C-alpha atoms as a PDB file:
ATOM      1  CA  MET A   1      85.062  12.673  10.853  1.00  0.00           C
ATOM      2  CA  THR A   2      88.196  14.303  12.229  1.00  0.00           C
ATOM      3  CA  ASP A   3      90.336  12.733  14.944  1.00  0.00           C
ATOM      4  CA  HIS A   4      91.303  16.149  16.351  1.00  0.00           C
ATOM      5  CA  PHE A   5      89.663  18.870  18.407  1.00  0.00           C
ATOM      6  CA  THR A   6      90.779  22.448  17.729  1.00  0.00           C
ATOM      7  CA  ILE A   7      91.058  24.874  20.640  1.00  0.00           C
ATOM      8  CA  ARG A   8      91.766  28.545  19.975  1.00  0.00           C
ATOM      9  CA  ASN A   9      90.930  31.925  21.456  1.00  0.00           C
ATOM     10  CA  LYS A  10      89.356  34.785  19.514  1.00  0.00           C
ATOM     11  CA  SER A  11      92.683  36.406  18.620  1.00  0.00           C
ATOM     12  CA  ASN A  12      94.290  33.057  17.702  1.00  0.00           C
ATOM     13  CA  ALA A  13      97.103  33.804  20.157  1.00  0.00           C
ATOM     14  CA  VAL A  14      96.549  30.309  21.523  1.00  0.00           C
ATOM     15  CA  SER A  15      95.656  27.615  19.015  1.00  0.00           C
ATOM     16  CA  MET A  16      95.982  23.887  19.604  1.00  0.00           C
ATOM     17  CA  GLN A  17      94.787  20.743  17.935  1.00  0.00           C
ATOM     18  CA  ILE A  18      94.226  17.901  20.384  1.00  0.00           C
ATOM     19  CA  HIS A  19      94.011  14.344  19.132  1.00  0.00           C
ATOM     20  CA  LYS A  20      91.177  12.367  20.674  1.00  0.00           C
ATOM     21  CA  ARG A  21      93.697   9.888  22.082  1.00  0.00           C
ATOM     22  CA  SER A  22      95.655  12.700  23.764  1.00  0.00           C
ATOM     23  CA  LEU A  23      92.441  14.166  25.151  1.00  0.00           C
ATOM     24  CA  PHE A  24      91.574  10.776  26.610  1.00  0.00           C
ATOM     25  CA  ILE A  25      95.053  10.455  28.166  1.00  0.00           C
ATOM     26  CA  LEU A  26      94.961  13.994  29.587  1.00  0.00           C
ATOM     27  CA  THR A  27      91.577  13.234  31.137  1.00  0.00           C
ATOM     28  CA  GLY A  28      93.010  10.049  32.630  1.00  0.00           C
ATOM     29  CA  LEU A  29      95.995  11.937  34.033  1.00  0.00           C
ATOM     30  CA  ALA A  30      93.713  14.568  35.564  1.00  0.00           C
ATOM     31  CA  LEU A  31      91.626  11.841  37.220  1.00  0.00           C
ATOM     32  CA  ALA A  32      94.828  10.169  38.481  1.00  0.00           C
ATOM     33  CA  VAL A  33      95.930  13.468  40.044  1.00  0.00           C
ATOM     34  CA  VAL A  34      92.526  13.837  41.739  1.00  0.00           C
ATOM     35  CA  ALA A  35      92.749  10.256  43.032  1.00  0.00           C
ATOM     36  CA  ALA A  36      96.290  10.786  44.344  1.00  0.00           C
ATOM     37  CA  PHE A  37      95.128  14.075  45.906  1.00  0.00           C
ATOM     38  CA  LEU A  38      92.398  12.290  47.872  1.00  0.00           C
ATOM     39  CA  VAL A  39      94.657   9.377  48.858  1.00  0.00           C
ATOM     40  CA  SER A  40      97.283  11.866  50.062  1.00  0.00           C
ATOM     41  CA  LEU A  41      94.681  13.542  52.273  1.00  0.00           C
ATOM     42  CA  SER A  42      93.702  10.134  53.634  1.00  0.00           C
ATOM     43  CA  ALA A  43      97.224   8.808  54.287  1.00  0.00           C
ATOM     44  CA  GLY A  44      99.480   9.835  57.134  1.00  0.00           C
ATOM     45  CA  SER A  45     100.351   9.075  60.738  1.00  0.00           C
ATOM     46  CA  SER A  46      96.620   8.623  61.323  1.00  0.00           C
ATOM     47  CA  TYR A  47      94.572   7.061  58.541  1.00  0.00           C
ATOM     48  CA  ILE A  48      91.381   8.887  57.568  1.00  0.00           C
ATOM     49  CA  PRO A  49      88.908   6.906  55.426  1.00  0.00           C
ATOM     50  CA  LEU A  50      88.450   8.182  51.889  1.00  0.00           C
ATOM     51  CA  GLY A  51      84.718   8.577  52.503  1.00  0.00           C
ATOM     52  CA  THR A  52      85.471  10.958  55.353  1.00  0.00           C
ATOM     53  CA  VAL A  53      87.929  12.873  53.173  1.00  0.00           C
ATOM     54  CA  VAL A  54      85.323  13.313  50.441  1.00  0.00           C
ATOM     55  CA  GLN A  55      82.771  14.335  53.072  1.00  0.00           C
ATOM     56  CA  GLU A  56      85.159  17.008  54.321  1.00  0.00           C
ATOM     57  CA  VAL A  57      85.776  18.305  50.820  1.00  0.00           C
ATOM     58  CA  PHE A  58      82.049  18.848  50.335  1.00  0.00           C
ATOM     59  CA  GLY A  59      81.067  19.545  53.930  1.00  0.00           C
ATOM     60  CA  GLU A  60      82.239  19.037  57.504  1.00  0.00           C
ATOM     61  CA  SER A  61      83.826  16.152  59.406  1.00  0.00           C
ATOM     62  CA  GLU A  62      85.421  15.435  62.753  1.00  0.00           C
ATOM     63  CA  HIS A  63      88.870  15.557  61.099  1.00  0.00           C
ATOM     64  CA  ALA A  64      88.447  19.108  59.807  1.00  0.00           C
ATOM     65  CA  PHE A  65      91.593  20.492  61.483  1.00  0.00           C
ATOM     66  CA  VAL A  66      93.886  17.664  60.356  1.00  0.00           C
ATOM     67  CA  LEU A  67      92.590  17.781  56.794  1.00  0.00           C
ATOM     68  CA  ASN A  68      92.224  21.530  56.283  1.00  0.00           C
ATOM     69  CA  GLU A  69      95.190  22.880  58.223  1.00  0.00           C
ATOM     70  CA  LEU A  70      97.792  20.095  58.182  1.00  0.00           C
ATOM     71  CA  ARG A  71      97.313  17.969  55.067  1.00  0.00           C
ATOM     72  CA  MET A  72      95.444  20.110  52.550  1.00  0.00           C
ATOM     73  CA  PRO A  73      98.153  22.831  52.238  1.00  0.00           C
ATOM     74  CA  ARG A  74     100.838  20.158  51.854  1.00  0.00           C
ATOM     75  CA  VAL A  75      98.913  18.349  49.134  1.00  0.00           C
ATOM     76  CA  TRP A  76      98.145  21.543  47.193  1.00  0.00           C
ATOM     77  CA  LEU A  77     101.798  22.602  47.456  1.00  0.00           C
ATOM     78  CA  ALA A  78     102.822  19.202  46.035  1.00  0.00           C
ATOM     79  CA  VAL A  79     100.486  19.751  43.066  1.00  0.00           C
ATOM     80  CA  PHE A  80     101.804  23.205  42.195  1.00  0.00           C
ATOM     81  CA  VAL A  81     105.462  22.324  42.814  1.00  0.00           C
ATOM     82  CA  GLY A  82     105.202  19.230  40.612  1.00  0.00           C
ATOM     83  CA  ALA A  83     103.377  21.108  37.851  1.00  0.00           C
ATOM     84  CA  GLY A  84     105.896  23.964  37.911  1.00  0.00           C
ATOM     85  CA  LEU A  85     108.927  21.679  37.758  1.00  0.00           C
ATOM     86  CA  GLY A  86     107.386  19.515  35.031  1.00  0.00           C
ATOM     87  CA  VAL A  87     106.689  22.453  32.709  1.00  0.00           C
ATOM     88  CA  SER A  88     110.026  24.089  33.539  1.00  0.00           C
ATOM     89  CA  GLY A  89     111.849  20.931  32.449  1.00  0.00           C
ATOM     90  CA  LEU A  90     109.748  20.674  29.289  1.00  0.00           C
ATOM     91  CA  ILE A  91     110.642  24.231  28.273  1.00  0.00           C
ATOM     92  CA  LEU A  92     114.349  23.684  28.963  1.00  0.00           C
ATOM     93  CA  GLN A  93     114.466  20.440  26.989  1.00  0.00           C
ATOM     94  CA  GLY A  94     112.711  22.067  24.062  1.00  0.00           C
ATOM     95  CA  MET A  95     114.794  25.223  24.168  1.00  0.00           C
ATOM     96  CA  ILE A  96     118.198  23.529  24.212  1.00  0.00           C
ATOM     97  CA  ARG A  97     116.944  20.505  22.248  1.00  0.00           C
ATOM     98  CA  ASN A  98     118.526  18.077  24.678  1.00  0.00           C
ATOM     99  CA  PRO A  99     116.734  15.304  26.603  1.00  0.00           C
ATOM    100  CA  LEU A 100     119.016  15.900  29.594  1.00  0.00           C
ATOM    101  CA  GLY A 101     117.595  19.378  30.175  1.00  0.00           C
ATOM    102  CA  SER A 102     116.148  19.819  33.653  1.00  0.00           C
ATOM    103  CA  PRO A 103     116.149  22.777  36.080  1.00  0.00           C
ATOM    104  CA  ASP A 104     118.105  20.842  38.718  1.00  0.00           C
ATOM    105  CA  ILE A 105     120.634  19.392  36.240  1.00  0.00           C
ATOM    106  CA  VAL A 106     121.251  22.553  34.194  1.00  0.00           C
ATOM    107  CA  GLY A 107     121.759  24.585  37.381  1.00  0.00           C
ATOM    108  CA  VAL A 108     118.559  26.636  37.588  1.00  0.00           C
ATOM    109  CA  THR A 109     117.562  24.975  40.866  1.00  0.00           C
ATOM    110  CA  GLY A 110     121.078  25.518  42.219  1.00  0.00           C
ATOM    111  CA  GLY A 111     120.736  29.251  41.645  1.00  0.00           C
ATOM    112  CA  ALA A 112     117.316  29.224  43.276  1.00  0.00           C
ATOM    113  CA  SER A 113     118.894  27.429  46.241  1.00  0.00           C
ATOM    114  CA  VAL A 114     121.468  30.171  46.719  1.00  0.00           C
ATOM    115  CA  GLY A 115     118.824  32.906  46.555  1.00  0.00           C
ATOM    116  CA  THR A 116     116.526  31.077  48.962  1.00  0.00           C
ATOM    117  CA  VAL A 117     119.252  30.261  51.476  1.00  0.00           C
ATOM    118  CA  LEU A 118     120.525  33.849  51.484  1.00  0.00           C
ATOM    119  CA  PHE A 119     116.959  34.967  52.226  1.00  0.00           C
ATOM    120  CA  ILE A 120     116.573  32.410  55.046  1.00  0.00           C
ATOM    121  CA  VAL A 121     119.934  33.261  56.634  1.00  0.00           C
ATOM    122  CA  TYR A 122     119.863  37.055  56.393  1.00  0.00           C
ATOM    123  CA  LEU A 123     116.283  38.199  55.831  1.00  0.00           C
ATOM    124  CA  MET A 124     113.996  35.664  57.500  1.00  0.00           C
ATOM    125  CA  GLY A 125     112.094  37.483  60.233  1.00  0.00           C
ATOM    126  CA  GLU A 126     113.089  40.889  58.882  1.00  0.00           C
ATOM    127  CA  VAL A 127     111.260  40.693  55.548  1.00  0.00           C
ATOM    128  CA  SER A 128     107.864  39.171  54.753  1.00  0.00           C
ATOM    129  CA  ILE A 129     107.939  35.531  53.622  1.00  0.00           C
ATOM    130  CA  GLN A 130     106.062  36.656  50.506  1.00  0.00           C
ATOM    131  CA  TRP A 131     109.401  37.868  49.123  1.00  0.00           C
ATOM    132  CA  LEU A 132     110.983  34.406  49.316  1.00  0.00           C
ATOM    133  CA  PRO A 133     109.930  33.397  45.764  1.00  0.00           C
ATOM    134  CA  VAL A 134     111.427  36.667  44.495  1.00  0.00           C
ATOM    135  CA  ALA A 135     114.755  35.765  46.095  1.00  0.00           C
ATOM    136  CA  SER A 136     114.533  32.248  44.672  1.00  0.00           C
ATOM    137  CA  VAL A 137     113.694  33.384  41.131  1.00  0.00           C
ATOM    138  CA  THR A 138     116.396  36.090  41.263  1.00  0.00           C
ATOM    139  CA  GLY A 139     119.036  33.545  42.267  1.00  0.00           C
ATOM    140  CA  ALA A 140     117.883  31.173  39.547  1.00  0.00           C
ATOM    141  CA  GLY A 141     117.947  33.947  36.951  1.00  0.00           C
ATOM    142  CA  LEU A 142     121.442  35.167  37.815  1.00  0.00           C
ATOM    143  CA  ILE A 143     122.895  31.651  37.780  1.00  0.00           C
ATOM    144  CA  THR A 144     121.177  30.890  34.480  1.00  0.00           C
ATOM    145  CA  VAL A 145     122.703  33.978  32.871  1.00  0.00           C
ATOM    146  CA  LEU A 146     126.126  32.939  34.216  1.00  0.00           C
ATOM    147  CA  ILE A 147     125.734  29.416  32.806  1.00  0.00           C
ATOM    148  CA  TYR A 148     124.664  30.752  29.425  1.00  0.00           C
ATOM    149  CA  LEU A 149     127.659  33.119  29.256  1.00  0.00           C
ATOM    150  CA  LEU A 150     130.141  30.415  30.304  1.00  0.00           C
ATOM    151  CA  SER A 151     128.675  28.064  27.687  1.00  0.00           C
ATOM    152  CA  TRP A 152     129.074  30.575  24.858  1.00  0.00           C
ATOM    153  CA  LYS A 153     131.791  29.812  22.332  1.00  0.00           C
ATOM    154  CA  ASN A 154     130.732  30.703  18.818  1.00  0.00           C
ATOM    155  CA  GLY A 155     127.268  29.792  20.004  1.00  0.00           C
ATOM    156  CA  VAL A 156     125.933  27.444  22.669  1.00  0.00           C
ATOM    157  CA  THR A 157     125.831  23.703  22.072  1.00  0.00           C
ATOM    158  CA  PRO A 158     123.326  21.678  24.133  1.00  0.00           C
ATOM    159  CA  MET A 159     125.917  19.358  25.667  1.00  0.00           C
ATOM    160  CA  ARG A 160     128.220  22.245  26.620  1.00  0.00           C
ATOM    161  CA  LEU A 161     125.289  23.937  28.344  1.00  0.00           C
ATOM    162  CA  ILE A 162     124.501  20.742  30.258  1.00  0.00           C
ATOM    163  CA  LEU A 163     128.101  20.207  31.379  1.00  0.00           C
ATOM    164  CA  VAL A 164     128.621  23.835  32.446  1.00  0.00           C
ATOM    165  CA  GLY A 165     125.274  23.703  34.242  1.00  0.00           C
ATOM    166  CA  ILE A 166     126.314  20.619  36.196  1.00  0.00           C
ATOM    167  CA  GLY A 167     129.538  22.344  37.264  1.00  0.00           C
ATOM    168  CA  VAL A 168     127.848  25.599  38.294  1.00  0.00           C
ATOM    169  CA  SER A 169     125.136  23.627  40.103  1.00  0.00           C
ATOM    170  CA  ALA A 170     127.826  21.838  42.134  1.00  0.00           C
ATOM    171  CA  LEU A 171     129.384  25.210  42.981  1.00  0.00           C
ATOM    172  CA  ALA A 172     125.990  26.581  44.048  1.00  0.00           C
ATOM    173  CA  ASN A 173     125.417  23.557  46.293  1.00  0.00           C
ATOM    174  CA  ALA A 174     128.831  24.135  47.877  1.00  0.00           C
ATOM    175  CA  VAL A 175     127.888  27.748  48.618  1.00  0.00           C
ATOM    176  CA  VAL A 176     124.602  26.611  50.174  1.00  0.00           C
ATOM    177  CA  THR A 177     126.435  24.051  52.322  1.00  0.00           C
ATOM    178  CA  MET A 178     128.906  26.714  53.485  1.00  0.00           C
ATOM    179  CA  PHE A 179     126.063  28.958  54.643  1.00  0.00           C
ATOM    180  CA  MET A 180     124.404  26.005  56.353  1.00  0.00           C
ATOM    181  CA  VAL A 181     127.416  24.939  58.425  1.00  0.00           C
ATOM    182  CA  SER A 182     128.271  28.529  59.373  1.00  0.00           C
ATOM    183  CA  SER A 183     124.763  29.456  60.532  1.00  0.00           C
ATOM    184  CA  GLU A 184     122.983  28.983  63.839  1.00  0.00           C
ATOM    185  CA  SER A 185     121.603  25.496  64.461  1.00  0.00           C
ATOM    186  CA  ALA A 186     117.958  26.524  63.994  1.00  0.00           C
ATOM    187  CA  VAL A 187     118.710  28.186  60.657  1.00  0.00           C
ATOM    188  CA  ALA A 188     121.009  25.336  59.598  1.00  0.00           C
ATOM    189  CA  SER A 189     118.326  22.719  60.255  1.00  0.00           C
ATOM    190  CA  LYS A 190     115.806  24.704  58.220  1.00  0.00           C
ATOM    191  CA  VAL A 191     118.283  25.036  55.342  1.00  0.00           C
ATOM    192  CA  TYR A 192     119.135  21.332  55.504  1.00  0.00           C
ATOM    193  CA  LEU A 193     115.449  20.353  55.364  1.00  0.00           C
ATOM    194  CA  TRP A 194     114.978  22.695  52.409  1.00  0.00           C
ATOM    195  CA  MET A 195     117.986  21.265  50.549  1.00  0.00           C
ATOM    196  CA  THR A 196     116.646  17.718  50.732  1.00  0.00           C
ATOM    197  CA  GLY A 197     113.332  18.791  49.211  1.00  0.00           C
ATOM    198  CA  SER A 198     110.514  18.553  51.705  1.00  0.00           C
ATOM    199  CA  LEU A 199     106.856  19.554  51.903  1.00  0.00           C
ATOM    200  CA  TYR A 200     106.879  19.197  55.679  1.00  0.00           C
ATOM    201  CA  GLY A 201     105.224  22.100  57.476  1.00  0.00           C
ATOM    202  CA  ALA A 202     103.517  23.508  54.382  1.00  0.00           C
ATOM    203  CA  ASN A 203     100.866  26.117  55.144  1.00  0.00           C
ATOM    204  CA  TRP A 204      98.168  28.042  53.325  1.00  0.00           C
ATOM    205  CA  GLN A 205     100.294  31.194  53.087  1.00  0.00           C
ATOM    206  CA  GLU A 206     102.909  29.345  51.037  1.00  0.00           C
ATOM    207  CA  VAL A 207     100.249  27.827  48.784  1.00  0.00           C
ATOM    208  CA  LYS A 208      98.659  31.232  48.178  1.00  0.00           C
ATOM    209  CA  ILE A 209     102.047  32.642  47.141  1.00  0.00           C
ATOM    210  CA  VAL A 210     103.167  29.787  44.867  1.00  0.00           C
ATOM    211  CA  ALA A 211      99.845  28.859  43.244  1.00  0.00           C
ATOM    212  CA  PRO A 212      99.152  32.072  41.273  1.00  0.00           C
ATOM    213  CA  VAL A 213     102.756  32.270  40.036  1.00  0.00           C
ATOM    214  CA  VAL A 214     102.811  28.691  38.727  1.00  0.00           C
ATOM    215  CA  VAL A 215      99.311  28.868  37.223  1.00  0.00           C
ATOM    216  CA  ALA A 216     100.031  32.208  35.517  1.00  0.00           C
ATOM    217  CA  LEU A 217     103.359  31.075  34.032  1.00  0.00           C
ATOM    218  CA  VAL A 218     101.917  27.762  32.796  1.00  0.00           C
ATOM    219  CA  ILE A 219      99.100  29.659  31.070  1.00  0.00           C
ATOM    220  CA  VAL A 220     101.574  32.135  29.552  1.00  0.00           C
ATOM    221  CA  SER A 221     103.683  29.263  28.216  1.00  0.00           C
ATOM    222  CA  LEU A 222     100.663  28.047  26.224  1.00  0.00           C
ATOM    223  CA  PHE A 223     100.819  31.271  24.186  1.00  0.00           C
ATOM    224  CA  PHE A 224     104.148  30.090  22.745  1.00  0.00           C
ATOM    225  CA  THR A 225     102.761  26.816  21.377  1.00  0.00           C
ATOM    226  CA  GLY A 226     103.055  27.908  17.745  1.00  0.00           C
ATOM    227  CA  VAL A 227     106.562  29.316  18.186  1.00  0.00           C
ATOM    228  CA  VAL A 228     107.923  26.223  19.912  1.00  0.00           C
ATOM    229  CA  ASN A 229     106.261  23.877  17.410  1.00  0.00           C
ATOM    230  CA  VAL A 230     107.989  25.739  14.557  1.00  0.00           C
ATOM    231  CA  LYS A 231     111.287  25.901  16.450  1.00  0.00           C
ATOM    232  CA  GLN A 232     111.311  22.113  16.781  1.00  0.00           C
ATOM    233  CA  LEU A 233     111.971  22.021  13.033  1.00  0.00           C
ATOM    234  CA  GLY A 234     115.319  23.753  13.626  1.00  0.00           C
ATOM    235  CA  ASP A 235     116.518  27.318  14.125  1.00  0.00           C
ATOM    236  CA  ASP A 236     117.156  27.895  10.408  1.00  0.00           C
ATOM    237  CA  VAL A 237     113.644  26.811   9.441  1.00  0.00           C
ATOM    238  CA  ALA A 238     112.168  28.918  12.246  1.00  0.00           C
ATOM    239  CA  ARG A 239     114.088  32.001  11.095  1.00  0.00           C
ATOM    240  CA  GLY A 240     112.956  31.369   7.543  1.00  0.00           C
ATOM    241  CA  MET A 241     109.359  31.426   8.780  1.00  0.00           C
ATOM    242  CA  GLY A 242     109.897  34.775  10.500  1.00  0.00           C
ATOM    243  CA  VAL A 243     110.394  33.574  14.072  1.00  0.00           C
ATOM    244  CA  ARG A 244     112.777  35.689  16.172  1.00  0.00           C
ATOM    245  CA  VAL A 245     114.628  32.707  17.574  1.00  0.00           C
ATOM    246  CA  GLN A 246     116.937  34.430  20.085  1.00  0.00           C
ATOM    247  CA  PHE A 247     114.172  36.691  21.389  1.00  0.00           C
ATOM    248  CA  PHE A 248     111.795  33.813  22.055  1.00  0.00           C
ATOM    249  CA  ARG A 249     114.620  31.703  23.488  1.00  0.00           C
ATOM    250  CA  VAL A 250     115.199  34.356  26.160  1.00  0.00           C
ATOM    251  CA  ILE A 251     111.461  34.581  26.891  1.00  0.00           C
ATOM    252  CA  LEU A 252     111.131  30.815  27.226  1.00  0.00           C
ATOM    253  CA  LEU A 253     114.227  30.651  29.416  1.00  0.00           C
ATOM    254  CA  ALA A 254     112.699  33.303  31.681  1.00  0.00           C
ATOM    255  CA  LEU A 255     109.493  31.256  31.925  1.00  0.00           C
ATOM    256  CA  SER A 256     111.464  28.142  32.851  1.00  0.00           C
ATOM    257  CA  VAL A 257     113.463  30.023  35.487  1.00  0.00           C
ATOM    258  CA  GLY A 258     110.304  31.555  36.961  1.00  0.00           C
ATOM    259  CA  LEU A 259     108.537  28.206  37.212  1.00  0.00           C
ATOM    260  CA  ALA A 260     111.516  26.424  38.750  1.00  0.00           C
ATOM    261  CA  GLY A 261     112.283  29.269  41.151  1.00  0.00           C
ATOM    262  CA  ALA A 262     108.702  29.531  42.390  1.00  0.00           C
ATOM    263  CA  ALA A 263     108.389  25.759  42.711  1.00  0.00           C
ATOM    264  CA  VAL A 264     111.497  25.265  44.857  1.00  0.00           C
ATOM    265  CA  ALA A 265     111.097  28.419  46.961  1.00  0.00           C
ATOM    266  CA  PHE A 266     109.115  26.590  49.654  1.00  0.00           C
ATOM    267  CA  ALA A 267     109.498  22.928  48.707  1.00  0.00           C
ATOM    268  CA  GLY A 268     113.281  22.939  48.308  1.00  0.00           C
ATOM    269  CA  GLY A 269     115.470  20.957  45.953  1.00  0.00           C
ATOM    270  CA  ILE A 270     113.033  18.272  44.776  1.00  0.00           C
ATOM    271  CA  ALA A 271     115.199  16.724  42.088  1.00  0.00           C
ATOM    272  CA  PHE A 272     114.551  15.114  38.707  1.00  0.00           C
ATOM    273  CA  VAL A 273     110.821  15.883  38.419  1.00  0.00           C
ATOM    274  CA  GLY A 274     111.625  18.340  35.613  1.00  0.00           C
ATOM    275  CA  LEU A 275     113.607  15.600  33.874  1.00  0.00           C
ATOM    276  CA  ILE A 276     111.150  12.708  34.165  1.00  0.00           C
ATOM    277  CA  ALA A 277     107.755  14.381  33.619  1.00  0.00           C
ATOM    278  CA  PRO A 278     108.430  15.749  30.084  1.00  0.00           C
ATOM    279  CA  HIS A 279     109.868  12.403  28.945  1.00  0.00           C
ATOM    280  CA  ILE A 280     106.781  10.526  30.099  1.00  0.00           C
ATOM    281  CA  ALA A 281     104.564  13.157  28.460  1.00  0.00           C
ATOM    282  CA  ARG A 282     106.330  12.722  25.113  1.00  0.00           C
ATOM    283  CA  GLN A 283     105.906   8.959  25.294  1.00  0.00           C
ATOM    284  CA  VAL A 284     102.144   9.026  25.839  1.00  0.00           C
ATOM    285  CA  LEU A 285     101.028  12.264  24.133  1.00  0.00           C
ATOM    286  CA  GLU A 286     101.407  13.914  20.750  1.00  0.00           C
ATOM    287  CA  ARG A 287     104.372  16.256  20.308  1.00  0.00           C
ATOM    288  CA  SER A 288     102.495  19.574  20.157  1.00  0.00           C
ATOM    289  CA  PHE A 289     104.010  21.896  22.765  1.00  0.00           C
ATOM    290  CA  GLY A 290     100.649  22.983  24.177  1.00  0.00           C
ATOM    291  CA  ILE A 291      99.587  19.380  24.769  1.00  0.00           C
ATOM    292  CA  LEU A 292     102.954  18.587  26.343  1.00  0.00           C
ATOM    293  CA  VAL A 293     102.624  21.572  28.702  1.00  0.00           C
ATOM    294  CA  LEU A 294      99.332  20.217  30.012  1.00  0.00           C
ATOM    295  CA  GLY A 295     100.682  16.670  30.179  1.00  0.00           C
ATOM    296  CA  SER A 296     103.959  17.627  31.892  1.00  0.00           C
ATOM    297  CA  SER A 297     102.138  19.689  34.510  1.00  0.00           C
ATOM    298  CA  LEU A 298      99.776  16.815  35.352  1.00  0.00           C
ATOM    299  CA  ILE A 299     102.540  14.185  35.354  1.00  0.00           C
ATOM    300  CA  GLY A 300     104.816  16.400  37.464  1.00  0.00           C
ATOM    301  CA  ALA A 301     102.024  16.947  39.992  1.00  0.00           C
ATOM    302  CA  LEU A 302     101.309  13.202  40.059  1.00  0.00           C
ATOM    303  CA  ILE A 303     104.973  12.303  40.631  1.00  0.00           C
ATOM    304  CA  VAL A 304     105.340  14.680  43.589  1.00  0.00           C
ATOM    305  CA  LEU A 305     101.999  13.601  45.077  1.00  0.00           C
ATOM    306  CA  LEU A 306     102.920   9.905  44.905  1.00  0.00           C
ATOM    307  CA  ALA A 307     106.436  10.544  46.247  1.00  0.00           C
ATOM    308  CA  ASP A 308     104.982  12.537  49.138  1.00  0.00           C
ATOM    309  CA  ILE A 309     102.505   9.769  49.990  1.00  0.00           C
ATOM    310  CA  ILE A 310     105.385   7.289  50.203  1.00  0.00           C
ATOM    311  CA  ALA A 311     107.504   9.782  52.167  1.00  0.00           C
ATOM    312  CA  ARG A 312     104.786  10.222  54.797  1.00  0.00           C
ATOM    313  CA  THR A 313     103.742   6.603  55.179  1.00  0.00           C
ATOM    314  CA  ALA A 314     106.609   4.220  54.358  1.00  0.00           C
ATOM    315  CA  PHE A 315     108.747   4.963  57.404  1.00  0.00           C
ATOM    316  CA  LEU A 316     106.260   6.025  60.079  1.00  0.00           C
ATOM    317  CA  PRO A 317     106.621   7.775  62.455  1.00  0.00           C
ATOM    318  CA  SER A 318     109.420   9.445  60.465  1.00  0.00           C
ATOM    319  CA  ASP A 319     108.512  11.922  57.723  1.00  0.00           C
ATOM    320  CA  VAL A 320     111.138  11.394  55.018  1.00  0.00           C
ATOM    321  CA  PRO A 321     111.814  14.324  52.636  1.00  0.00           C
ATOM    322  CA  VAL A 322     110.025  13.843  49.316  1.00  0.00           C
ATOM    323  CA  GLY A 323     113.220  14.726  47.436  1.00  0.00           C
ATOM    324  CA  VAL A 324     114.791  11.458  48.609  1.00  0.00           C
ATOM    325  CA  PHE A 325     112.253   9.444  46.613  1.00  0.00           C
ATOM    326  CA  THR A 326     112.262  11.608  43.473  1.00  0.00           C
ATOM    327  CA  ALA A 327     116.078  11.401  43.451  1.00  0.00           C
ATOM    328  CA  GLY A 328     115.929   7.628  43.926  1.00  0.00           C
ATOM    329  CA  ILE A 329     113.839   7.355  40.753  1.00  0.00           C
ATOM    330  CA  GLY A 330     115.432  10.202  38.811  1.00  0.00           C
ATOM    331  CA  ALA A 331     119.121   9.394  39.276  1.00  0.00           C
ATOM    332  CA  PRO A 332     118.976   5.995  37.498  1.00  0.00           C
ATOM    333  CA  PHE A 333     116.805   7.571  34.805  1.00  0.00           C
ATOM    334  CA  PHE A 334     119.426  10.299  34.279  1.00  0.00           C
ATOM    335  CA  ILE A 335     122.192   7.696  34.010  1.00  0.00           C
ATOM    336  CA  PHE A 336     120.099   5.834  31.430  1.00  0.00           C
ATOM    337  CA  LEU A 337     119.679   9.023  29.383  1.00  0.00           C
ATOM    338  CA  LEU A 338     123.420   9.694  29.555  1.00  0.00           C
ATOM    339  CA  TYR A 339     124.109   6.187  28.288  1.00  0.00           C
ATOM    340  CA  ARG A 340     121.530   6.442  25.504  1.00  0.00           C
ATOM    341  CA  ASN A 341     122.888   9.828  24.363  1.00  0.00           C
ATOM    342  CA  ARG A 342     126.589   9.010  24.817  1.00  0.00           C
ATOM    343  CA  GLU A 343     127.264   9.599  21.095  1.00  0.00           C
ATOM    344  CA  GLY A 344     126.392  13.273  21.575  1.00  0.00           C
ATOM    345  CA  MET A 345     128.855  13.774  24.398  1.00  0.00           C
ATOM    346  CA  SER A 346     131.531  14.868  21.936  1.00  0.00           C
ATOM    347  CA  GLU A 347     129.516  17.954  20.852  1.00  0.00           C
END
């Protein structure tokens, strides 16, 4: 009796073997996300019993407006933002083969910040909000290309890419700050709230824009399970097996940029989710890329949901930006990773 389940489509474009233990853990993570989803709907400035929340999900209740129009969009946005950042970080870490890879550390989020802030300052009110993710992804893409070019010296080493990314990210944050202090107070306050990473004021329009992008890109990333699994053996082995390493590296980088850009377009600079979620996934799941994609998306969603619950309830009546709590967890974790990988700093 086998310990694995095999999942594949008719063309074998997607083929995964899932260990029974991993399937059990993924099911547990999915249930944890559902539980956090319901608790998030219940928690807030006014507590709504979980029974009432469940009743509203399947019918009507006296709290319909609060649940459907105020809390539900925020909770769904947290799910998709967390999933997008988690998978984006997983792809980056696998592509550059460095545990420090994360969209906010490498500079992808910094580029998305510049694109988003330029849209808010110059185009908000003139152009439909539906174009905001395009501006975010474009900024992320341009900065990523710049980082890759600056890191190139007879090839790109993982640590050089990380260090250049940190520098370019700092420059991008300086540009964002310059636009913030030179803008009108209303625009500046909106930019500041975005920079800290907040789900405050989320609405259904934002969810409807972000959700299909994140879901589509996560599904597309599953099609590269075989390629990434082979690439983990090393570029030389992958080339020997007929894998076009550079071509797929560009494709995977584009997927990571798209996920990170879409995720931060409305939620802002929620830091370190893309760093933490893949590491937790690798600790509890098998190392197949397809399994890690599913695990990282669920863990990323769970992290943002839990951080948002704390942000909305710990300091009532204040609504603290969710990015404050993810940074509070992620920064020490990043320092720990730097310490653990200090021998590779000379690369």
